[in-house]
Protein backbone atom coordinates (compact mmCIF):
# COMPACT_ATOMS: atom_id res chain seq x y z
CA UNK A 1 0.00 0.00 0.00
CA UNK A 2 2.90 2.38 0.66
CA UNK A 3 3.71 2.26 -3.07
CA UNK A 4 0.50 4.24 -3.73
CA UNK A 5 1.08 6.94 -1.14
CA UNK A 6 1.45 10.27 -2.90
CA UNK A 7 2.96 13.19 -1.00
CA UNK A 8 1.22 16.55 -1.54
CA UNK A 9 2.99 19.04 -3.79
CA UNK A 10 5.02 21.44 -1.66
CA UNK A 11 7.47 22.43 -4.39
CA UNK A 12 5.18 24.96 -6.05
CA UNK A 13 4.52 26.94 -2.88
CA UNK A 14 8.07 26.71 -1.57
CA UNK A 15 9.45 28.15 -4.79
CA UNK A 16 7.33 31.32 -4.57
CA UNK A 17 8.74 34.56 -3.23
CA UNK A 18 7.19 36.18 -0.15
CA UNK A 19 4.77 38.37 -2.08
CA UNK A 20 3.69 35.48 -4.28
CA UNK A 21 3.14 33.30 -1.21
CA UNK A 22 0.87 35.92 0.33
CA UNK A 23 -1.14 36.16 -2.88
CA UNK A 24 -1.29 32.39 -3.15
CA UNK A 25 -2.69 32.14 0.37
CA UNK A 26 -5.44 34.62 -0.39
CA UNK A 27 -6.32 32.98 -3.70
CA UNK A 28 -6.36 29.56 -2.03
CA UNK A 29 -8.76 30.75 0.66
CA UNK A 30 -10.92 32.60 -1.84
CA UNK A 31 -11.22 29.49 -4.01
CA UNK A 32 -11.97 27.40 -0.92
CA UNK A 33 -14.82 29.68 0.11
CA UNK A 34 -16.29 29.81 -3.38
CA UNK A 35 -16.11 26.02 -3.57
CA UNK A 36 -18.01 25.67 -0.29
CA UNK A 37 -20.68 28.09 -1.48
CA UNK A 38 -20.93 26.05 -4.68
CA UNK A 39 -21.01 22.57 -3.13
CA UNK A 40 -23.01 23.07 0.08
CA UNK A 41 -26.39 23.53 -1.64
CA UNK A 42 -25.65 20.95 -4.33
CA UNK A 43 -24.80 18.27 -1.77
CA UNK A 44 -27.30 19.63 0.80
CA UNK A 45 -24.56 19.64 3.43
CA UNK A 46 -26.49 22.10 5.59
CA UNK A 47 -29.24 19.51 5.91
CA UNK A 48 -26.77 16.90 7.14
CA UNK A 49 -25.34 19.48 9.54
CA UNK A 50 -28.79 20.05 11.05
CA UNK A 51 -29.27 16.31 11.34
CA UNK A 52 -26.04 16.07 13.34
CA UNK A 53 -27.05 18.99 15.57
CA UNK A 54 -30.52 17.57 16.20
CA UNK A 55 -29.44 13.93 16.50
CA UNK A 56 -30.91 11.93 19.35
CA UNK A 57 -27.39 10.86 20.27
CA UNK A 58 -25.16 13.84 20.98
CA UNK A 59 -22.44 14.67 18.44
CA UNK A 60 -20.17 17.29 19.98
CA UNK A 61 -18.50 19.48 17.37
CA UNK A 62 -14.74 19.93 17.39
CA UNK A 63 -13.38 23.21 18.79
CA UNK A 64 -11.41 25.42 16.39
CA UNK A 65 -7.90 24.80 17.74
CA UNK A 66 -8.53 21.04 17.69
CA UNK A 67 -9.51 21.11 14.02
CA UNK A 68 -7.08 20.21 11.29
CA UNK A 69 -6.29 22.53 8.38
CA UNK A 70 -9.12 21.21 6.19
CA UNK A 71 -11.87 21.38 8.79
CA UNK A 72 -10.74 24.85 9.82
CA UNK A 73 -11.30 26.13 6.26
CA UNK A 74 -14.92 24.94 6.56
CA UNK A 75 -15.66 26.16 10.07
CA UNK A 76 -17.51 29.34 9.06
CA UNK A 77 -19.87 27.19 7.00
CA UNK A 78 -19.97 23.73 8.55
CA UNK A 79 -19.06 22.21 11.93
CA UNK A 80 -19.11 18.48 11.15
CA UNK A 81 -18.53 18.06 7.41
CA UNK A 82 -15.70 19.49 5.32
CA UNK A 83 -13.81 19.12 2.05
CA UNK A 84 -10.74 17.00 2.77
CA UNK A 85 -9.05 17.54 -0.62
CA UNK A 86 -6.05 19.80 -1.07
CA UNK A 87 -6.80 22.59 -3.54
CA UNK A 88 -4.21 22.75 -6.30
CA UNK A 89 -5.04 26.22 -7.61
CA UNK A 90 -1.72 26.30 -9.46
CA UNK A 91 -3.43 24.05 -12.03
CA UNK A 92 -5.71 26.90 -13.13
CA UNK A 93 -5.01 28.29 -16.57
CA UNK A 94 -3.78 31.86 -16.93
CA UNK A 95 -7.29 33.07 -17.82
CA UNK A 96 -8.85 31.15 -14.93
CA UNK A 97 -6.27 32.47 -12.49
CA UNK A 98 -6.84 36.02 -13.72
CA UNK A 99 -10.57 35.60 -13.11
CA UNK A 100 -9.87 34.55 -9.53
CA UNK A 101 -7.43 37.44 -9.07
CA UNK A 102 -10.06 39.93 -10.28
CA UNK A 103 -12.50 38.62 -7.70
CA UNK A 104 -9.83 38.94 -5.03
CA UNK A 105 -8.95 42.49 -6.05
CA UNK A 106 -12.60 43.57 -5.90
CA UNK A 107 -13.35 41.66 -2.65
CA UNK A 108 -16.06 39.83 -4.58
CA UNK A 109 -17.19 36.72 -2.75
CA UNK A 110 -20.47 36.44 -4.68
CA UNK A 111 -21.36 33.18 -6.34
CA UNK A 112 -22.87 34.78 -9.43
CA UNK A 113 -23.54 32.86 -12.65
CA UNK A 114 -20.07 33.57 -14.04
CA UNK A 115 -18.44 32.32 -10.83
CA UNK A 116 -20.65 29.24 -10.74
CA UNK A 117 -19.50 28.44 -14.28
CA UNK A 118 -15.87 29.04 -13.26
CA UNK A 119 -16.03 26.75 -10.20
CA UNK A 120 -18.03 24.10 -12.04
CA UNK A 121 -15.43 23.87 -14.82
CA UNK A 122 -12.33 24.04 -12.65
CA UNK A 123 -12.93 22.24 -9.36
CA UNK A 124 -12.51 18.65 -10.68
CA UNK A 125 -8.88 19.40 -11.61
CA UNK A 126 -8.26 21.56 -8.52
CA UNK A 127 -9.33 18.89 -5.99
CA UNK A 128 -7.68 15.89 -7.68
CA UNK A 129 -4.64 14.57 -5.85
CA UNK A 130 -3.28 13.15 -9.09
CA UNK A 131 -4.61 14.18 -12.50
CA UNK A 132 -2.35 11.74 -14.31
CA UNK A 133 -3.70 8.64 -12.56
CA UNK A 134 -7.04 6.90 -13.17
CA UNK A 135 -8.60 4.34 -10.85
CA UNK A 136 -5.68 4.70 -8.47
CA UNK A 137 -5.89 4.94 -4.69
CA UNK A 138 -4.05 7.71 -2.85
CA UNK A 139 -3.90 8.57 0.83
CA UNK A 140 -6.16 11.17 2.45
CA UNK A 141 -4.98 10.45 5.97
CA UNK A 142 -2.88 7.94 7.92
CA UNK A 143 -1.44 4.81 6.36
CA UNK A 144 -4.68 2.92 6.77
CA UNK A 145 -7.02 1.34 4.23
CA UNK A 146 -9.95 3.58 5.26
CA UNK A 147 -8.12 6.69 4.07
CA UNK A 148 -7.09 5.43 0.61
CA UNK A 149 -9.51 6.81 -1.96
CA UNK A 150 -9.59 7.42 -5.69
CA UNK A 151 -7.00 9.99 -6.78
CA UNK A 152 -9.70 12.15 -8.41
CA UNK A 153 -12.46 11.75 -5.80
CA UNK A 154 -14.23 14.53 -3.95
CA UNK A 155 -13.49 13.59 -0.34
CA UNK A 156 -15.96 14.83 2.28
CA UNK A 157 -14.59 14.45 5.79
CA UNK A 158 -16.83 14.10 8.83
CA UNK A 159 -15.45 14.61 12.32
CA UNK A 160 -16.75 15.24 15.84
CA UNK A 161 -15.48 14.69 19.36
CA UNK A 162 -15.31 11.06 20.35
CA UNK A 163 -17.14 9.58 23.31
CA UNK A 164 -15.09 8.65 26.35
CA UNK A 165 -16.24 6.54 29.23
CA UNK A 166 -17.61 8.74 32.00
CA UNK A 167 -17.00 8.26 35.70
CA UNK A 168 -19.39 5.64 37.02
CA UNK A 169 -20.31 4.44 33.52
CA UNK A 170 -20.04 0.70 32.92
CA UNK A 171 -18.48 -0.80 29.83
CA UNK A 172 -21.86 -2.19 28.80
CA UNK A 173 -23.45 1.26 29.08
CA UNK A 174 -20.65 2.84 27.05
CA UNK A 175 -20.89 0.14 24.36
CA UNK A 176 -24.64 0.68 24.05
CA UNK A 177 -24.18 4.46 23.77
CA UNK A 178 -21.45 3.96 21.18
CA UNK A 179 -23.51 1.51 19.10
CA UNK A 180 -26.54 3.82 19.17
CA UNK A 181 -24.49 6.77 18.01
CA UNK A 182 -22.80 4.80 15.22
CA UNK A 183 -26.18 3.53 14.02
CA UNK A 184 -27.56 7.07 13.90
CA UNK A 185 -24.43 8.37 12.15
CA UNK A 186 -24.78 5.67 9.47
CA UNK A 187 -28.39 6.73 8.90
CA UNK A 188 -27.38 10.39 8.61
CA UNK A 189 -24.50 9.85 6.19
CA UNK A 190 -26.03 7.09 4.05
CA UNK A 191 -27.99 9.40 1.70
CA UNK A 192 -24.94 11.68 1.35
CA UNK A 193 -22.84 8.68 0.34
CA UNK A 194 -25.47 7.71 -2.23
CA UNK A 195 -25.50 11.26 -3.62
CA UNK A 196 -21.71 11.27 -3.90
CA UNK A 197 -21.77 7.89 -5.67
CA UNK A 198 -23.71 9.50 -8.50
CA UNK A 199 -22.34 13.04 -8.31
CA UNK A 200 -20.67 14.72 -11.32
CA UNK A 201 -17.34 14.14 -9.56
CA UNK A 202 -17.59 10.82 -7.79
CA UNK A 203 -17.10 11.34 -4.08
CA UNK A 204 -16.78 9.60 -0.75
CA UNK A 205 -17.42 10.32 2.92
CA UNK A 206 -14.43 9.62 5.17
CA UNK A 207 -14.65 9.52 8.96
CA UNK A 208 -11.84 11.24 10.88
CA UNK A 209 -11.01 11.32 14.59
CA UNK A 210 -8.30 12.56 16.95
CA UNK A 211 -5.90 9.83 15.83
CA UNK A 212 -6.23 10.55 12.11
CA UNK A 213 -5.67 14.33 11.96
CA UNK A 214 -2.95 16.77 12.86
CA UNK A 215 -4.58 19.49 14.95
CA UNK A 216 -3.93 23.16 14.34
CA UNK A 217 -2.42 23.54 17.81
CA UNK A 218 0.09 20.75 17.11
CA UNK A 219 1.15 21.90 13.66
CA UNK A 220 4.83 22.35 13.03
CA UNK A 221 6.85 23.83 10.20
CA UNK A 222 7.54 22.30 6.78
CA UNK A 223 4.45 20.16 6.44
CA UNK A 224 2.02 20.78 3.57
CA UNK A 225 -0.58 22.27 3.57
CA UNK A 226 0.33 23.84 6.91
CA UNK A 227 3.24 25.61 5.23
CA UNK A 228 0.62 27.75 3.50
CA UNK A 229 0.19 29.43 6.88
CA UNK A 230 3.94 30.05 7.13
CA UNK A 231 4.03 28.54 10.61
CA UNK A 232 6.94 28.49 13.02
CA UNK A 233 7.79 25.85 15.59
CA UNK A 234 5.21 25.59 18.37
CA UNK A 235 6.67 26.61 21.76
CA UNK A 236 7.02 23.88 24.38
CA UNK A 237 6.00 26.11 27.30
CA UNK A 238 2.25 25.61 27.75
CA UNK A 239 1.40 29.31 28.28
CA UNK A 240 3.53 30.35 25.31
CA UNK A 241 1.99 27.56 23.26
CA UNK A 242 -1.56 28.78 23.97
CA UNK A 243 -0.57 32.36 23.10
CA UNK A 244 1.01 31.10 19.89
CA UNK A 245 -2.09 29.12 18.95
CA UNK A 246 -4.33 32.12 19.53
CA UNK A 247 -2.00 34.27 17.44
CA UNK A 248 -2.25 31.76 14.58
CA UNK A 249 -6.03 31.76 14.74
CA UNK A 250 -6.08 35.56 14.84
CA UNK A 251 -3.83 35.69 11.79
CA UNK A 252 -6.10 33.29 9.93
CA UNK A 253 -9.15 35.36 10.85
CA UNK A 254 -7.43 38.57 9.77
CA UNK A 255 -6.85 37.06 6.32
CA UNK A 256 -10.53 36.12 6.12
CA UNK A 257 -11.55 39.62 7.27
CA UNK A 258 -9.20 41.25 4.76
CA UNK A 259 -10.86 39.20 2.03
CA UNK A 260 -14.27 40.34 3.29
CA UNK A 261 -15.43 36.78 3.87
CA UNK A 262 -18.79 36.60 5.56
CA UNK A 263 -18.97 34.36 8.59
CA UNK A 264 -21.66 31.82 9.43
CA UNK A 265 -22.94 31.62 5.87
CA UNK A 266 -25.88 29.27 5.65
């Protein structure tokens, strides 16, 4: 299985100068937000979000600093579901990239007809981990069979806080609670999986947990796509670490604010 593991492309970003990196970051986040606005209604992800919120068995959403890079990009739109694909915006043609740059320059986050056409035509090549491989599995997580998916698939991650045995709770009680929650989760995600099976870009739903993601607060330098945030080493002192984490989140939010991205879009 290791023979099929494809490392994300870091060369393109690393070879940019500082100004180009800053522009790349903004274009990446702009494309990400437009893609969410495009896909959420088409896949009815807000409906699945409401089902998770209103589930009979409690699904606690992950806090921001415990999210990974991908879930963080979705957190103004969705709390449980997110696009797990890297976005290779460097694959856009010169005309397509200029269109995106014009939207960035004008702070235009609208999903008008022209933008819908742009996203519709470009996102299959932007989300693909390998364009040159057909019917080939690549890794979207740890070295585990569950995270190997088609190299051109649209990968929708789902993640929430796991259940832990509470004080005074028996193993039988915990097992029953766990089984009930898993049964309800299967019922919630089943129609989404069916939709993705027949979607214009064939997609999958992949379950993630604490053991299968690298959290924002644990991110270190030189690991894609975290390098897109130009991170430094996380301090070892706990107080300094928390200050550093908050600074990172503030910097991310300042980029979103600078791009005039609306929060809590439904």
